[in-house]
Amino acid sequence: MNIKPLADRVLIKPAAAEEKTVSGIIIPDTAKEKPLKGEVVAVGGGTKDEEMVLKTGDQVLYGKYAGTEIELDSDKYLIMRQSDVLAIL
């Protein structure tokens, strides 16, 4: 990976959205809900006021509208502040 987040930002690869419901109905792309969990791929160094708690490989939950979507090598990622992450799983 050739991207390094700055300060208290983290790069997250969102988990894949659900393809089917329990009853086996296939959900079209337009109706899929965005996943609210993912894996931390890269972390910044933190700031003098806020130590970096997250580390690469952590599974995390984040807010529905948190972060900025970016695309690298045809993969989608989210970059957000550490404070936008709600929990580590």
Protein backbone atom coordinates (compact mmCIF):
# COMPACT_ATOMS: atom_id res chain seq x y z
CA MET A 1 0.00 0.00 0.00
CA ASN A 2 1.49 3.33 -1.01
CA ILE A 3 -0.75 5.59 1.06
CA LYS A 4 0.05 6.81 4.58
CA PRO A 5 -2.66 8.72 6.48
CA LEU A 6 -1.53 11.88 8.26
CA ALA A 7 -2.00 12.84 11.93
CA ASP A 8 -5.00 11.07 13.52
CA ARG A 9 -6.48 9.67 10.31
CA VAL A 10 -6.96 6.00 9.44
CA LEU A 11 -7.56 4.15 6.17
CA ILE A 12 -10.32 1.53 6.37
CA LYS A 13 -11.38 -1.16 3.91
CA PRO A 14 -15.16 -1.53 4.36
CA ALA A 15 -16.60 -5.01 4.76
CA ALA A 16 -18.58 -6.32 1.79
CA ALA A 17 -22.30 -5.51 1.76
CA GLU A 18 -24.75 -8.35 2.23
CA GLU A 19 -25.65 -10.02 -1.08
CA LYS A 20 -28.70 -12.02 0.10
CA THR A 21 -31.25 -11.87 2.89
CA VAL A 22 -32.00 -14.80 5.20
CA SER A 23 -34.81 -15.94 2.92
CA GLY A 24 -32.47 -16.06 -0.10
CA ILE A 25 -33.73 -12.95 -1.91
CA ILE A 26 -30.95 -11.26 -3.87
CA ILE A 27 -30.60 -7.55 -3.05
CA PRO A 28 -29.81 -5.20 -5.97
CA ASP A 29 -26.81 -2.84 -5.67
CA THR A 30 -29.02 0.24 -5.33
CA ALA A 31 -30.83 -1.19 -2.29
CA LYS A 32 -27.79 -2.45 -0.41
CA GLU A 33 -27.05 -0.67 2.82
CA LYS A 34 -23.51 0.54 3.32
CA PRO A 35 -21.56 -1.63 5.75
CA LEU A 36 -20.70 0.02 9.06
CA LYS A 37 -17.66 -2.11 9.81
CA GLY A 38 -14.31 -2.68 8.22
CA GLU A 39 -10.62 -3.39 8.67
CA VAL A 40 -7.96 -0.78 9.40
CA VAL A 41 -5.41 -0.90 6.57
CA ALA A 42 -3.13 2.02 7.51
CA VAL A 43 -2.87 4.52 10.37
CA GLY A 44 -1.32 7.94 10.85
CA GLY A 45 1.13 8.84 13.58
CA GLY A 46 -1.37 10.59 15.84
CA THR A 47 -1.11 14.15 17.15
CA LYS A 48 0.53 15.65 20.20
CA ASP A 49 -2.92 15.89 21.82
CA GLU A 50 -4.29 12.51 20.70
CA GLU A 51 -2.36 9.25 20.76
CA MET A 52 -3.12 6.73 17.98
CA VAL A 53 -5.06 3.87 19.58
CA LEU A 54 -5.96 2.00 16.39
CA LYS A 55 -3.50 -0.26 14.61
CA THR A 56 -3.36 -2.03 11.27
CA GLY A 57 -5.57 -5.12 11.19
CA ASP A 58 -8.15 -3.91 13.75
CA GLN A 59 -11.78 -4.69 12.91
CA VAL A 60 -13.79 -1.53 13.66
CA LEU A 61 -17.30 -0.06 13.63
CA TYR A 62 -17.78 3.47 12.30
CA GLY A 63 -20.62 5.92 11.79
CA LYS A 64 -22.92 5.71 8.77
CA TYR A 65 -21.72 8.98 7.24
CA ALA A 66 -18.15 8.92 8.57
CA GLY A 67 -15.12 9.38 6.37
CA THR A 68 -14.38 10.13 2.75
CA GLU A 69 -14.56 7.44 0.09
CA ILE A 70 -11.46 7.00 -2.05
CA GLU A 71 -10.57 4.44 -4.71
CA LEU A 72 -7.09 2.92 -4.98
CA ASP A 73 -6.23 0.18 -7.48
CA SER A 74 -9.97 -0.40 -8.14
CA ASP A 75 -10.62 -1.05 -4.42
CA LYS A 76 -12.78 1.30 -2.34
CA TYR A 77 -11.53 2.62 0.99
CA LEU A 78 -12.62 5.14 3.60
CA ILE A 79 -10.28 7.65 5.16
CA MET A 80 -11.46 9.17 8.44
CA ARG A 81 -10.31 10.57 11.75
CA GLN A 82 -9.71 8.14 14.57
CA SER A 83 -12.47 9.91 16.53
CA ASP A 84 -15.03 8.85 13.86
CA VAL A 85 -14.43 5.20 14.75
CA LEU A 86 -17.03 4.03 17.27
CA ALA A 87 -15.55 0.71 18.48
CA ILE A 88 -12.94 -1.97 17.94
CA LEU A 89 -14.40 -5.45 17.46
